[in-house]
Amino acid sequence: MPNIKSSKKRVKVTTVKSAQNKTVRTDLRTEIKKANIALENSAEDKTNAVRVAIKKIDKAVAKGILHKNTAARKKSALDKKLAAGA
């Protein structure tokens, strides 16, 4: 544990921010998995599932959790699977 007051605060802030980022990241992964399952099973709501996943990806980019190129790659893969199944 650091001795300097500002360093102590940094440790606290980092742990809080890491927890927040982790929840966003796990929600994102869950939505992507749901979209992939919907696409594989040709579910009726597959377009909606993909739309929700893409929205989550965009929110993660806005919060700085994902890089924009990573987001573009993930969105492109979902769109490609959706177009192939349609």
Protein backbone atom coordinates (compact mmCIF):
# COMPACT_ATOMS: atom_id res chain seq x y z
CA MET A 1 0.00 0.00 0.00
CA PRO A 2 1.43 3.41 -0.91
CA ASN A 3 2.26 6.04 1.69
CA ILE A 4 1.53 9.14 -0.39
CA LYS A 5 -2.01 10.45 -0.15
CA SER A 6 -2.50 10.91 -3.91
CA SER A 7 -1.18 7.41 -4.56
CA LYS A 8 -3.64 5.98 -2.05
CA LYS A 9 -6.47 7.75 -3.85
CA ARG A 10 -5.23 6.46 -7.21
CA VAL A 11 -5.38 2.89 -5.89
CA LYS A 12 -8.97 3.38 -4.73
CA VAL A 13 -10.08 5.05 -7.95
CA THR A 14 -8.40 2.39 -10.07
CA THR A 15 -10.15 -0.44 -8.25
CA VAL A 16 -13.55 1.26 -8.65
CA LYS A 17 -13.00 2.01 -12.35
CA SER A 18 -11.72 -1.53 -12.98
CA ALA A 19 -14.88 -2.96 -11.46
CA GLN A 20 -17.06 -0.70 -13.60
CA ASN A 21 -15.14 -1.61 -16.74
CA LYS A 22 -15.40 -5.30 -15.90
CA THR A 23 -19.20 -5.14 -15.65
CA VAL A 24 -19.44 -3.39 -19.01
CA ARG A 25 -17.06 -5.89 -20.60
CA THR A 26 -18.94 -8.92 -19.25
CA ASP A 27 -22.29 -7.49 -20.37
CA LEU A 28 -20.80 -6.90 -23.80
CA ARG A 29 -19.51 -10.46 -24.08
CA THR A 30 -22.88 -11.82 -22.94
CA GLU A 31 -24.76 -9.85 -25.60
CA ILE A 32 -22.33 -10.96 -28.32
CA LYS A 33 -22.78 -14.59 -27.24
CA LYS A 34 -26.57 -14.18 -27.27
CA ALA A 35 -26.41 -12.72 -30.77
CA ASN A 36 -24.19 -15.56 -32.00
CA ILE A 37 -26.52 -18.17 -30.51
CA ALA A 38 -29.53 -16.47 -32.10
CA LEU A 39 -27.75 -16.46 -35.47
CA GLU A 40 -26.73 -20.12 -35.18
CA ASN A 41 -30.24 -21.24 -34.23
CA SER A 42 -31.91 -18.98 -36.82
CA ALA A 43 -34.08 -17.48 -34.09
CA GLU A 44 -36.86 -15.09 -35.01
CA ASP A 45 -35.30 -12.24 -33.04
CA LYS A 46 -31.81 -12.60 -34.50
CA THR A 47 -31.82 -9.12 -36.07
CA ASN A 48 -32.85 -7.63 -32.74
CA ALA A 49 -30.15 -9.60 -30.91
CA VAL A 50 -27.52 -8.34 -33.35
CA ARG A 51 -28.82 -4.78 -33.00
CA VAL A 52 -28.54 -4.96 -29.20
CA ALA A 53 -25.02 -6.42 -29.41
CA ILE A 54 -23.89 -3.68 -31.79
CA LYS A 55 -25.34 -1.05 -29.48
CA LYS A 56 -23.39 -2.52 -26.55
CA ILE A 57 -20.22 -2.53 -28.66
CA ASP A 58 -20.69 1.13 -29.53
CA LYS A 59 -21.26 2.02 -25.88
CA ALA A 60 -18.07 0.19 -24.89
CA VAL A 61 -16.13 2.21 -27.46
CA ALA A 62 -17.65 5.45 -26.18
CA LYS A 63 -16.55 4.56 -22.65
CA GLY A 64 -13.02 3.71 -23.85
CA ILE A 65 -13.25 0.04 -22.97
CA LEU A 66 -12.86 -1.22 -26.54
CA HIS A 67 -10.65 0.14 -29.31
CA LYS A 68 -12.60 1.41 -32.29
CA ASN A 69 -10.95 -1.05 -34.69
CA THR A 70 -11.77 -3.97 -32.39
CA ALA A 71 -15.37 -2.78 -32.27
CA ALA A 72 -15.49 -2.47 -36.05
CA ARG A 73 -14.18 -6.03 -36.40
CA LYS A 74 -16.75 -7.43 -33.97
CA LYS A 75 -19.63 -5.53 -35.60
CA SER A 76 -18.50 -6.62 -39.05
CA ALA A 77 -18.40 -10.26 -37.99
CA LEU A 78 -21.94 -10.03 -36.58
CA ASP A 79 -23.24 -8.29 -39.72
CA LYS A 80 -21.56 -10.89 -41.91
CA LYS A 81 -23.17 -13.77 -40.01
CA LEU A 82 -26.54 -12.02 -40.14
CA ALA A 83 -26.30 -11.49 -43.90
CA ALA A 84 -25.23 -15.10 -44.47
CA GLY A 85 -28.18 -16.40 -42.48
CA ALA A 86 -30.74 -14.10 -44.07
